[in-house]
């Protein structure tokens, strides 16, 4: 589900998610962290990958190989490849594939 608002005031997600209980995947905007305790804010791998990429770019060339940033990029890229593979799966088959193949990668990361 997606909700658009013309500004980033914290009152919008508070109002929209008033009775919601569960996970909220979003960017790191602080307004989402002011929601009730029944909402668990989680990030996405696109944002995680971006931070690994920025860290990798900030390293000298000779320090990039086998760095934590390079390893993190590898894991994110592997997870993204799997997601592309699952694109045409049914929701049930995608869930099973994620538990079988993606979850171990995410746990290793």
PDB file of N, CA and C in Angstrom:
ATOM      1  N   UNK A   1       0.844  -1.161   0.000  1.00  0.00           N
ATOM      2  CA  UNK A   1       0.000   0.000   0.000  1.00  0.00           C
ATOM      3  C   UNK A   1       0.898   1.235   0.000  1.00  0.00           C
ATOM      4  N   UNK A   2       0.450   2.253  -0.641  1.00  0.00           N
ATOM      5  CA  UNK A   2       1.221   3.486  -0.739  1.00  0.00           C
ATOM      6  C   UNK A   2       0.287   4.655  -0.464  1.00  0.00           C
ATOM      7  N   UNK A   3       0.741   5.584   0.344  1.00  0.00           N
ATOM      8  CA  UNK A   3      -0.030   6.783   0.669  1.00  0.00           C
ATOM      9  C   UNK A   3       0.809   7.999   0.320  1.00  0.00           C
ATOM     10  N   UNK A   4       0.294   8.870  -0.526  1.00  0.00           N
ATOM     11  CA  UNK A   4       0.996  10.091  -0.905  1.00  0.00           C
ATOM     12  C   UNK A   4       0.498  11.258  -0.071  1.00  0.00           C
ATOM     13  N   UNK A   5       1.431  12.098   0.358  1.00  0.00           N
ATOM     14  CA  UNK A   5       1.115  13.357   1.019  1.00  0.00           C
ATOM     15  C   UNK A   5       2.019  14.431   0.413  1.00  0.00           C
ATOM     16  N   UNK A   6       1.550  15.662   0.331  1.00  0.00           N
ATOM     17  CA  UNK A   6       2.337  16.715  -0.314  1.00  0.00           C
ATOM     18  C   UNK A   6       3.523  17.211   0.528  1.00  0.00           C
ATOM     19  N   UNK A   7       3.591  16.803   1.795  1.00  0.00           N
ATOM     20  CA  UNK A   7       4.725  17.195   2.621  1.00  0.00           C
ATOM     21  C   UNK A   7       5.103  16.017   3.521  1.00  0.00           C
ATOM     22  N   UNK A   8       6.137  16.200   4.339  1.00  0.00           N
ATOM     23  CA  UNK A   8       6.639  15.091   5.154  1.00  0.00           C
ATOM     24  C   UNK A   8       6.358  15.284   6.639  1.00  0.00           C
ATOM     25  N   UNK A   9       5.262  15.900   6.950  1.00  0.00           N
ATOM     26  CA  UNK A   9       4.891  16.106   8.348  1.00  0.00           C
ATOM     27  C   UNK A   9       4.595  14.765   9.006  1.00  0.00           C
ATOM     28  N   UNK A  10       5.067  14.585  10.224  1.00  0.00           N
ATOM     29  CA  UNK A  10       4.884  13.327  10.960  1.00  0.00           C
ATOM     30  C   UNK A  10       3.414  13.014  11.212  1.00  0.00           C
ATOM     31  N   UNK A  11       2.560  14.019  11.180  1.00  0.00           N
ATOM     32  CA  UNK A  11       1.138  13.789  11.445  1.00  0.00           C
ATOM     33  C   UNK A  11       0.480  12.908  10.375  1.00  0.00           C
ATOM     34  N   UNK A  12       1.001  12.936   9.150  1.00  0.00           N
ATOM     35  CA  UNK A  12       0.383  12.147   8.076  1.00  0.00           C
ATOM     36  C   UNK A  12       0.486  10.649   8.328  1.00  0.00           C
ATOM     37  N   UNK A  13       1.685  10.098   8.542  1.00  0.00           N
ATOM     38  CA  UNK A  13       1.722   8.654   8.822  1.00  0.00           C
ATOM     39  C   UNK A  13       1.026   8.301  10.141  1.00  0.00           C
ATOM     40  N   UNK A  14       1.055   9.204  11.102  1.00  0.00           N
ATOM     41  CA  UNK A  14       0.376   8.929  12.376  1.00  0.00           C
ATOM     42  C   UNK A  14      -1.128   8.785  12.154  1.00  0.00           C
ATOM     43  N   UNK A  15      -1.666   9.666  11.326  1.00  0.00           N
ATOM     44  CA  UNK A  15      -3.103   9.623  11.041  1.00  0.00           C
ATOM     45  C   UNK A  15      -3.453   8.427  10.165  1.00  0.00           C
ATOM     46  N   UNK A  16      -2.690   8.222   9.111  1.00  0.00           N
ATOM     47  CA  UNK A  16      -2.969   7.153   8.152  1.00  0.00           C
ATOM     48  C   UNK A  16      -2.840   5.774   8.785  1.00  0.00           C
ATOM     49  N   UNK A  17      -1.851   5.602   9.664  1.00  0.00           N
ATOM     50  CA  UNK A  17      -1.577   4.298  10.276  1.00  0.00           C
ATOM     51  C   UNK A  17      -2.113   4.207  11.707  1.00  0.00           C
ATOM     52  N   UNK A  18      -3.105   4.996  11.991  1.00  0.00           N
ATOM     53  CA  UNK A  18      -3.642   5.123  13.344  1.00  0.00           C
ATOM     54  C   UNK A  18      -3.914   3.785  14.033  1.00  0.00           C
ATOM     55  N   UNK A  19      -4.569   2.859  13.386  1.00  0.00           N
ATOM     56  CA  UNK A  19      -4.924   1.570  13.997  1.00  0.00           C
ATOM     57  C   UNK A  19      -4.106   0.405  13.444  1.00  0.00           C
ATOM     58  N   UNK A  20      -3.056   0.717  12.727  1.00  0.00           N
ATOM     59  CA  UNK A  20      -2.253  -0.329  12.092  1.00  0.00           C
ATOM     60  C   UNK A  20      -1.349  -1.024  13.104  1.00  0.00           C
ATOM     61  N   UNK A  21      -1.209  -2.328  12.939  1.00  0.00           N
ATOM     62  CA  UNK A  21      -0.282  -3.122  13.744  1.00  0.00           C
ATOM     63  C   UNK A  21       0.513  -3.979  12.767  1.00  0.00           C
ATOM     64  N   UNK A  22       1.832  -3.849  12.771  1.00  0.00           N
ATOM     65  CA  UNK A  22       2.645  -4.653  11.865  1.00  0.00           C
ATOM     66  C   UNK A  22       3.908  -3.925  11.467  1.00  0.00           C
ATOM     67  N   UNK A  23       4.415  -4.279  10.297  1.00  0.00           N
ATOM     68  CA  UNK A  23       5.671  -3.738   9.785  1.00  0.00           C
ATOM     69  C   UNK A  23       5.404  -2.609   8.796  1.00  0.00           C
ATOM     70  N   UNK A  24       6.258  -1.603   8.845  1.00  0.00           N
ATOM     71  CA  UNK A  24       6.191  -0.485   7.909  1.00  0.00           C
ATOM     72  C   UNK A  24       7.561  -0.348   7.258  1.00  0.00           C
ATOM     73  N   UNK A  25       7.638  -0.647   5.957  1.00  0.00           N
ATOM     74  CA  UNK A  25       8.891  -0.480   5.223  1.00  0.00           C
ATOM     75  C   UNK A  25       8.901   0.925   4.649  1.00  0.00           C
ATOM     76  N   UNK A  26       9.940   1.665   4.995  1.00  0.00           N
ATOM     77  CA  UNK A  26      10.012   3.054   4.560  1.00  0.00           C
ATOM     78  C   UNK A  26      11.463   3.522   4.571  1.00  0.00           C
ATOM     79  N   UNK A  27      11.652   4.760   4.160  1.00  0.00           N
ATOM     80  CA  UNK A  27      12.993   5.337   4.243  1.00  0.00           C
ATOM     81  C   UNK A  27      13.276   5.693   5.704  1.00  0.00           C
ATOM     82  N   UNK A  28      14.376   6.309   5.961  1.00  0.00           N
ATOM     83  CA  UNK A  28      14.794   6.581   7.336  1.00  0.00           C
ATOM     84  C   UNK A  28      14.216   7.882   7.896  1.00  0.00           C
ATOM     85  N   UNK A  29      13.186   8.398   7.289  1.00  0.00           N
ATOM     86  CA  UNK A  29      12.564   9.640   7.750  1.00  0.00           C
ATOM     87  C   UNK A  29      12.134   9.501   9.208  1.00  0.00           C
ATOM     88  N   UNK A  30      12.538  10.447  10.034  1.00  0.00           N
ATOM     89  CA  UNK A  30      12.304  10.395  11.471  1.00  0.00           C
ATOM     90  C   UNK A  30      10.822  10.380  11.835  1.00  0.00           C
ATOM     91  N   UNK A  31       9.986  10.966  11.014  1.00  0.00           N
ATOM     92  CA  UNK A  31       8.554  11.019  11.306  1.00  0.00           C
ATOM     93  C   UNK A  31       7.920   9.647  11.463  1.00  0.00           C
ATOM     94  N   UNK A  32       8.470   8.643  10.788  1.00  0.00           N
ATOM     95  CA  UNK A  32       7.925   7.295  10.890  1.00  0.00           C
ATOM     96  C   UNK A  32       8.274   6.646  12.225  1.00  0.00           C
ATOM     97  N   UNK A  33       9.266   7.163  12.908  1.00  0.00           N
ATOM     98  CA  UNK A  33       9.666   6.584  14.182  1.00  0.00           C
ATOM     99  C   UNK A  33       8.874   7.151  15.345  1.00  0.00           C
ATOM    100  N   UNK A  34       7.867   7.960  15.041  1.00  0.00           N
ATOM    101  CA  UNK A  34       6.996   8.525  16.069  1.00  0.00           C
ATOM    102  C   UNK A  34       5.634   7.830  16.063  1.00  0.00           C
ATOM    103  N   UNK A  35       5.571   6.679  15.428  1.00  0.00           N
ATOM    104  CA  UNK A  35       4.324   5.925  15.365  1.00  0.00           C
ATOM    105  C   UNK A  35       4.157   5.094  16.632  1.00  0.00           C
ATOM    106  N   UNK A  36       2.938   4.605  16.887  1.00  0.00           N
ATOM    107  CA  UNK A  36       2.720   3.794  18.087  1.00  0.00           C
ATOM    108  C   UNK A  36       3.595   2.542  18.102  1.00  0.00           C
ATOM    109  N   UNK A  37       3.777   1.975  19.284  1.00  0.00           N
ATOM    110  CA  UNK A  37       4.639   0.819  19.466  1.00  0.00           C
ATOM    111  C   UNK A  37       4.212  -0.426  18.709  1.00  0.00           C
ATOM    112  N   UNK A  38       2.966  -0.476  18.201  1.00  0.00           N
ATOM    113  CA  UNK A  38       2.504  -1.636  17.446  1.00  0.00           C
ATOM    114  C   UNK A  38       3.023  -1.643  16.021  1.00  0.00           C
ATOM    115  N   UNK A  39       3.702  -0.573  15.611  1.00  0.00           N
ATOM    116  CA  UNK A  39       4.264  -0.469  14.273  1.00  0.00           C
ATOM    117  C   UNK A  39       5.777  -0.639  14.371  1.00  0.00           C
ATOM    118  N   UNK A  40       6.283  -1.611  13.627  1.00  0.00           N
ATOM    119  CA  UNK A  40       7.722  -1.849  13.577  1.00  0.00           C
ATOM    120  C   UNK A  40       8.246  -1.297  12.264  1.00  0.00           C
ATOM    121  N   UNK A  41       9.106  -0.292  12.338  1.00  0.00           N
ATOM    122  CA  UNK A  41       9.663   0.337  11.139  1.00  0.00           C
ATOM    123  C   UNK A  41      10.853  -0.489  10.668  1.00  0.00           C
ATOM    124  N   UNK A  42      10.836  -0.856   9.389  1.00  0.00           N
ATOM    125  CA  UNK A  42      11.929  -1.616   8.783  1.00  0.00           C
ATOM    126  C   UNK A  42      12.410  -0.894   7.529  1.00  0.00           C
ATOM    127  N   UNK A  43      13.668  -1.095   7.194  1.00  0.00           N
ATOM    128  CA  UNK A  43      14.235  -0.494   5.996  1.00  0.00           C
ATOM    129  C   UNK A  43      14.179  -1.463   4.823  1.00  0.00           C
ATOM    130  N   UNK A  44      14.681  -1.020   3.694  1.00  0.00           N
ATOM    131  CA  UNK A  44      14.702  -1.871   2.508  1.00  0.00           C
ATOM    132  C   UNK A  44      16.144  -2.083   2.056  1.00  0.00           C
ATOM    133  N   UNK A  45      16.347  -3.138   1.286  1.00  0.00           N
ATOM    134  CA  UNK A  45      17.693  -3.466   0.836  1.00  0.00           C
ATOM    135  C   UNK A  45      18.237  -2.462  -0.179  1.00  0.00           C
ATOM    136  N   UNK A  46      17.385  -1.711  -0.842  1.00  0.00           N
ATOM    137  CA  UNK A  46      17.890  -0.678  -1.757  1.00  0.00           C
ATOM    138  C   UNK A  46      18.641   0.386  -0.969  1.00  0.00           C
ATOM    139  N   UNK A  47      18.116   0.763   0.196  1.00  0.00           N
ATOM    140  CA  UNK A  47      18.804   1.743   1.034  1.00  0.00           C
ATOM    141  C   UNK A  47      20.065   1.140   1.646  1.00  0.00           C
ATOM    142  N   UNK A  48      20.000  -0.117   2.057  1.00  0.00           N
ATOM    143  CA  UNK A  48      21.180  -0.796   2.605  1.00  0.00           C
ATOM    144  C   UNK A  48      22.277  -0.844   1.552  1.00  0.00           C
ATOM    145  N   UNK A  49      21.904  -1.259   0.338  1.00  0.00           N
ATOM    146  CA  UNK A  49      22.891  -1.368  -0.738  1.00  0.00           C
ATOM    147  C   UNK A  49      23.526  -0.017  -1.038  1.00  0.00           C
ATOM    148  N   UNK A  50      22.713   1.022  -1.037  1.00  0.00           N
ATOM    149  CA  UNK A  50      23.230   2.367  -1.319  1.00  0.00           C
ATOM    150  C   UNK A  50      24.318   2.762  -0.314  1.00  0.00           C
ATOM    151  N   UNK A  51      24.111   2.430   0.946  1.00  0.00           N
ATOM    152  CA  UNK A  51      25.119   2.759   1.968  1.00  0.00           C
ATOM    153  C   UNK A  51      26.398   1.959   1.761  1.00  0.00           C
ATOM    154  N   UNK A  52      26.270   0.681   1.392  1.00  0.00           N
ATOM    155  CA  UNK A  52      27.466  -0.112   1.078  1.00  0.00           C
ATOM    156  C   UNK A  52      28.195   0.478  -0.131  1.00  0.00           C
ATOM    157  N   UNK A  53      27.431   0.899  -1.127  1.00  0.00           N
ATOM    158  CA  UNK A  53      28.023   1.491  -2.331  1.00  0.00           C
ATOM    159  C   UNK A  53      28.770   2.770  -1.990  1.00  0.00           C
ATOM    160  N   UNK A  54      28.166   3.621  -1.161  1.00  0.00           N
ATOM    161  CA  UNK A  54      28.828   4.867  -0.748  1.00  0.00           C
ATOM    162  C   UNK A  54      30.104   4.571   0.039  1.00  0.00           C
ATOM    163  N   UNK A  55      30.043   3.582   0.912  1.00  0.00           N
ATOM    164  CA  UNK A  55      31.227   3.213   1.690  1.00  0.00           C
ATOM    165  C   UNK A  55      32.324   2.676   0.774  1.00  0.00           C
ATOM    166  N   UNK A  56      31.954   1.888  -0.208  1.00  0.00           N
ATOM    167  CA  UNK A  56      32.925   1.327  -1.148  1.00  0.00           C
ATOM    168  C   UNK A  56      33.599   2.430  -1.953  1.00  0.00           C
ATOM    169  N   UNK A  57      32.817   3.395  -2.414  1.00  0.00           N
ATOM    170  CA  UNK A  57      33.375   4.518  -3.175  1.00  0.00           C
ATOM    171  C   UNK A  57      34.331   5.350  -2.322  1.00  0.00           C
ATOM    172  N   UNK A  58      34.083   5.382  -1.021  1.00  0.00           N
ATOM    173  CA  UNK A  58      34.921   6.182  -0.130  1.00  0.00           C
ATOM    174  C   UNK A  58      36.249   5.524   0.233  1.00  0.00           C
ATOM    175  N   UNK A  59      36.404   4.269  -0.146  1.00  0.00           N
ATOM    176  CA  UNK A  59      37.655   3.553   0.160  1.00  0.00           C
ATOM    177  C   UNK A  59      38.652   3.710  -0.979  1.00  0.00           C
ATOM    178  N   UNK A  60      39.938   3.721  -0.663  1.00  0.00           N
ATOM    179  CA  UNK A  60      40.940   3.687  -1.740  1.00  0.00           C
ATOM    180  C   UNK A  60      40.787   2.377  -2.521  1.00  0.00           C
ATOM    181  N   UNK A  61      41.117   2.387  -3.793  1.00  0.00           N
ATOM    182  CA  UNK A  61      40.964   1.206  -4.661  1.00  0.00           C
ATOM    183  C   UNK A  61      41.572  -0.045  -4.035  1.00  0.00           C
ATOM    184  N   UNK A  62      42.767   0.097  -3.468  1.00  0.00           N
ATOM    185  CA  UNK A  62      43.461  -1.069  -2.922  1.00  0.00           C
ATOM    186  C   UNK A  62      42.771  -1.630  -1.670  1.00  0.00           C
ATOM    187  N   UNK A  63      41.924  -0.845  -1.024  1.00  0.00           N
ATOM    188  CA  UNK A  63      41.237  -1.305   0.181  1.00  0.00           C
ATOM    189  C   UNK A  63      39.834  -1.847  -0.104  1.00  0.00           C
ATOM    190  N   UNK A  64      39.357  -1.694  -1.351  1.00  0.00           N
ATOM    191  CA  UNK A  64      37.994  -2.095  -1.680  1.00  0.00           C
ATOM    192  C   UNK A  64      37.805  -3.615  -1.716  1.00  0.00           C
ATOM    193  N   UNK A  65      38.788  -4.321  -2.271  1.00  0.00           N
ATOM    194  CA  UNK A  65      38.654  -5.766  -2.432  1.00  0.00           C
ATOM    195  C   UNK A  65      38.519  -6.444  -1.073  1.00  0.00           C
ATOM    196  N   UNK A  66      37.474  -7.250  -0.939  1.00  0.00           N
ATOM    197  CA  UNK A  66      37.183  -8.013   0.277  1.00  0.00           C
ATOM    198  C   UNK A  66      36.848  -7.145   1.490  1.00  0.00           C
ATOM    199  N   UNK A  67      36.571  -5.867   1.275  1.00  0.00           N
ATOM    200  CA  UNK A  67      36.169  -4.989   2.388  1.00  0.00           C
ATOM    201  C   UNK A  67      34.737  -5.347   2.805  1.00  0.00           C
ATOM    202  N   UNK A  68      34.344  -4.905   3.987  1.00  0.00           N
ATOM    203  CA  UNK A  68      32.964  -5.122   4.438  1.00  0.00           C
ATOM    204  C   UNK A  68      31.967  -4.508   3.459  1.00  0.00           C
ATOM    205  N   UNK A  69      32.323  -3.369   2.889  1.00  0.00           N
ATOM    206  CA  UNK A  69      31.438  -2.716   1.926  1.00  0.00           C
ATOM    207  C   UNK A  69      31.272  -3.573   0.671  1.00  0.00           C
ATOM    208  N   UNK A  70      32.351  -4.162   0.184  1.00  0.00           N
ATOM    209  CA  UNK A  70      32.261  -5.014  -1.008  1.00  0.00           C
ATOM    210  C   UNK A  70      31.447  -6.277  -0.704  1.00  0.00           C
ATOM    211  N   UNK A  71      31.671  -6.850   0.451  1.00  0.00           N
ATOM    212  CA  UNK A  71      30.920  -8.045   0.844  1.00  0.00           C
ATOM    213  C   UNK A  71      29.431  -7.705   0.972  1.00  0.00           C
ATOM    214  N   UNK A  72      29.117  -6.572   1.588  1.00  0.00           N
ATOM    215  CA  UNK A  72      27.725  -6.146   1.701  1.00  0.00           C
ATOM    216  C   UNK A  72      27.077  -5.935   0.343  1.00  0.00           C
ATOM    217  N   UNK A  73      27.827  -5.337  -0.577  1.00  0.00           N
ATOM    218  CA  UNK A  73      27.313  -5.149  -1.944  1.00  0.00           C
ATOM    219  C   UNK A  73      27.027  -6.500  -2.591  1.00  0.00           C
ATOM    220  N   UNK A  74      27.926  -7.455  -2.386  1.00  0.00           N
ATOM    221  CA  UNK A  74      27.743  -8.791  -2.973  1.00  0.00           C
ATOM    222  C   UNK A  74      26.437  -9.409  -2.476  1.00  0.00           C
ATOM    223  N   UNK A  75      26.208  -9.350  -1.171  1.00  0.00           N
ATOM    224  CA  UNK A  75      24.979  -9.919  -0.612  1.00  0.00           C
ATOM    225  C   UNK A  75      23.740  -9.221  -1.159  1.00  0.00           C
ATOM    226  N   UNK A  76      23.757  -7.912  -1.183  1.00  0.00           N
ATOM    227  CA  UNK A  76      22.599  -7.180  -1.711  1.00  0.00           C
ATOM    228  C   UNK A  76      22.356  -7.517  -3.172  1.00  0.00           C
ATOM    229  N   UNK A  77      23.413  -7.546  -3.961  1.00  0.00           N
ATOM    230  CA  UNK A  77      23.260  -7.884  -5.376  1.00  0.00           C
ATOM    231  C   UNK A  77      22.722  -9.299  -5.554  1.00  0.00           C
ATOM    232  N   UNK A  78      23.189 -10.230  -4.723  1.00  0.00           N
ATOM    233  CA  UNK A  78      22.693 -11.603  -4.797  1.00  0.00           C
ATOM    234  C   UNK A  78      21.200 -11.652  -4.459  1.00  0.00           C
ATOM    235  N   UNK A  79      20.789 -10.911  -3.435  1.00  0.00           N
ATOM    236  CA  UNK A  79      19.371 -10.868  -3.074  1.00  0.00           C
ATOM    237  C   UNK A  79      18.537 -10.254  -4.193  1.00  0.00           C
ATOM    238  N   UNK A  80      19.050  -9.210  -4.830  1.00  0.00           N
ATOM    239  CA  UNK A  80      18.325  -8.579  -5.942  1.00  0.00           C
ATOM    240  C   UNK A  80      18.207  -9.529  -7.134  1.00  0.00           C
ATOM    241  N   UNK A  81      19.261 -10.304  -7.412  1.00  0.00           N
ATOM    242  CA  UNK A  81      19.187 -11.289  -8.509  1.00  0.00           C
ATOM    243  C   UNK A  81      18.087 -12.309  -8.227  1.00  0.00           C
ATOM    244  N   UNK A  82      18.023 -12.765  -6.991  1.00  0.00           N
ATOM    245  CA  UNK A  82      16.972 -13.714  -6.633  1.00  0.00           C
ATOM    246  C   UNK A  82      15.593 -13.100  -6.805  1.00  0.00           C
ATOM    247  N   UNK A  83      15.423 -11.857  -6.384  1.00  0.00           N
ATOM    248  CA  UNK A  83      14.116 -11.202  -6.530  1.00  0.00           C
ATOM    249  C   UNK A  83      13.699 -11.106  -7.994  1.00  0.00           C
ATOM    250  N   UNK A  84      14.652 -10.827  -8.873  1.00  0.00           N
ATOM    251  CA  UNK A  84      14.321 -10.796 -10.308  1.00  0.00           C
ATOM    252  C   UNK A  84      13.870 -12.180 -10.769  1.00  0.00           C
ATOM    253  N   UNK A  85      14.513 -13.203 -10.241  1.00  0.00           N
ATOM    254  CA  UNK A  85      14.147 -14.577 -10.595  1.00  0.00           C
ATOM    255  C   UNK A  85      12.728 -14.898 -10.129  1.00  0.00           C
ATOM    256  N   UNK A  86      12.316 -14.366  -8.990  1.00  0.00           N
ATOM    257  CA  UNK A  86      10.994 -14.641  -8.422  1.00  0.00           C
ATOM    258  C   UNK A  86       9.880 -13.790  -9.026  1.00  0.00           C
ATOM    259  N   UNK A  87      10.203 -12.884  -9.899  1.00  0.00           N
ATOM    260  CA  UNK A  87       9.244 -11.878 -10.373  1.00  0.00           C
ATOM    261  C   UNK A  87       7.930 -12.472 -10.889  1.00  0.00           C
ATOM    262  N   UNK A  88       7.996 -13.588 -11.566  1.00  0.00           N
ATOM    263  CA  UNK A  88       6.784 -14.171 -12.151  1.00  0.00           C
ATOM    264  C   UNK A  88       6.176 -15.273 -11.288  1.00  0.00           C
ATOM    265  N   UNK A  89       6.704 -15.487 -10.112  1.00  0.00           N
ATOM    266  CA  UNK A  89       6.180 -16.518  -9.211  1.00  0.00           C
ATOM    267  C   UNK A  89       4.863 -16.059  -8.601  1.00  0.00           C
ATOM    268  N   UNK A  90       4.061 -17.021  -8.209  1.00  0.00           N
ATOM    269  CA  UNK A  90       2.874 -16.695  -7.419  1.00  0.00           C
ATOM    270  C   UNK A  90       3.341 -16.218  -6.049  1.00  0.00           C
ATOM    271  N   UNK A  91       2.465 -15.576  -5.310  1.00  0.00           N
ATOM    272  CA  UNK A  91       2.836 -15.089  -3.973  1.00  0.00           C
ATOM    273  C   UNK A  91       3.298 -16.250  -3.087  1.00  0.00           C
ATOM    274  N   UNK A  92       2.612 -17.384  -3.168  1.00  0.00           N
ATOM    275  CA  UNK A  92       2.978 -18.544  -2.342  1.00  0.00           C
ATOM    276  C   UNK A  92       4.348 -19.101  -2.741  1.00  0.00           C
ATOM    277  N   UNK A  93       4.581 -19.224  -4.037  1.00  0.00           N
ATOM    278  CA  UNK A  93       5.873 -19.748  -4.497  1.00  0.00           C
ATOM    279  C   UNK A  93       7.005 -18.767  -4.170  1.00  0.00           C
ATOM    280  N   UNK A  94       6.735 -17.464  -4.293  1.00  0.00           N
ATOM    281  CA  UNK A  94       7.731 -16.447  -3.950  1.00  0.00           C
ATOM    282  C   UNK A  94       8.079 -16.521  -2.465  1.00  0.00           C
ATOM    283  N   UNK A  95       7.073 -16.703  -1.623  1.00  0.00           N
ATOM    284  CA  UNK A  95       7.296 -16.834  -0.179  1.00  0.00           C
ATOM    285  C   UNK A  95       8.191 -18.037   0.111  1.00  0.00           C
ATOM    286  N   UNK A  96       7.896 -19.159  -0.511  1.00  0.00           N
ATOM    287  CA  UNK A  96       8.702 -20.371  -0.307  1.00  0.00           C
ATOM    288  C   UNK A  96      10.129 -20.170  -0.789  1.00  0.00           C
ATOM    289  N   UNK A  97      10.297 -19.564  -1.959  1.00  0.00           N
ATOM    290  CA  UNK A  97      11.637 -19.335  -2.513  1.00  0.00           C
ATOM    291  C   UNK A  97      12.431 -18.380  -1.629  1.00  0.00           C
ATOM    292  N   UNK A  98      11.776 -17.347  -1.141  1.00  0.00           N
ATOM    293  CA  UNK A  98      12.473 -16.407  -0.257  1.00  0.00           C
ATOM    294  C   UNK A  98      12.943 -17.102   1.015  1.00  0.00           C
ATOM    295  N   UNK A  99      12.100 -17.950   1.586  1.00  0.00           N
ATOM    296  CA  UNK A  99      12.504 -18.673   2.796  1.00  0.00           C
ATOM    297  C   UNK A  99      13.632 -19.654   2.520  1.00  0.00           C
ATOM    298  N   UNK A 100      13.616 -20.273   1.360  1.00  0.00           N
ATOM    299  CA  UNK A 100      14.627 -21.273   1.017  1.00  0.00           C
ATOM    300  C   UNK A 100      15.956 -20.640   0.603  1.00  0.00           C
ATOM    301  N   UNK A 101      15.898 -19.599  -0.246  1.00  0.00           N
ATOM    302  CA  UNK A 101      17.131 -19.055  -0.841  1.00  0.00           C
ATOM    303  C   UNK A 101      17.532 -17.683  -0.314  1.00  0.00           C
ATOM    304  N   UNK A 102      16.574 -16.789  -0.149  1.00  0.00           N
ATOM    305  CA  UNK A 102      16.908 -15.419   0.261  1.00  0.00           C
ATOM    306  C   UNK A 102      17.190 -15.309   1.757  1.00  0.00           C
ATOM    307  N   UNK A 103      16.400 -15.985   2.553  1.00  0.00           N
ATOM    308  CA  UNK A 103      16.561 -15.870   4.005  1.00  0.00           C
ATOM    309  C   UNK A 103      17.965 -16.249   4.474  1.00  0.00           C
ATOM    310  N   UNK A 104      18.540 -17.356   3.982  1.00  0.00           N
ATOM    311  CA  UNK A 104      19.911 -17.667   4.419  1.00  0.00           C
ATOM    312  C   UNK A 104      20.924 -16.571   4.043  1.00  0.00           C
ATOM    313  N   UNK A 105      20.766 -15.958   2.877  1.00  0.00           N
ATOM    314  CA  UNK A 105      21.652 -14.862   2.485  1.00  0.00           C
ATOM    315  C   UNK A 105      21.484 -13.657   3.419  1.00  0.00           C
ATOM    316  N   UNK A 106      20.216 -13.319   3.679  1.00  0.00           N
ATOM    317  CA  UNK A 106      19.943 -12.174   4.563  1.00  0.00           C
ATOM    318  C   UNK A 106      20.506 -12.428   5.958  1.00  0.00           C
ATOM    319  N   UNK A 107      20.361 -13.654   6.441  1.00  0.00           N
ATOM    320  CA  UNK A 107      20.910 -13.978   7.764  1.00  0.00           C
ATOM    321  C   UNK A 107      22.436 -13.908   7.766  1.00  0.00           C
ATOM    322  N   UNK A 108      23.070 -14.376   6.692  1.00  0.00           N
ATOM    323  CA  UNK A 108      24.534 -14.276   6.592  1.00  0.00           C
ATOM    324  C   UNK A 108      24.986 -12.833   6.576  1.00  0.00           C
ATOM    325  N   UNK A 109      24.258 -12.001   5.849  1.00  0.00           N
ATOM    326  CA  UNK A 109      24.602 -10.576   5.775  1.00  0.00           C
ATOM    327  C   UNK A 109      24.534  -9.977   7.162  1.00  0.00           C
TER     328      UNK A 109
END
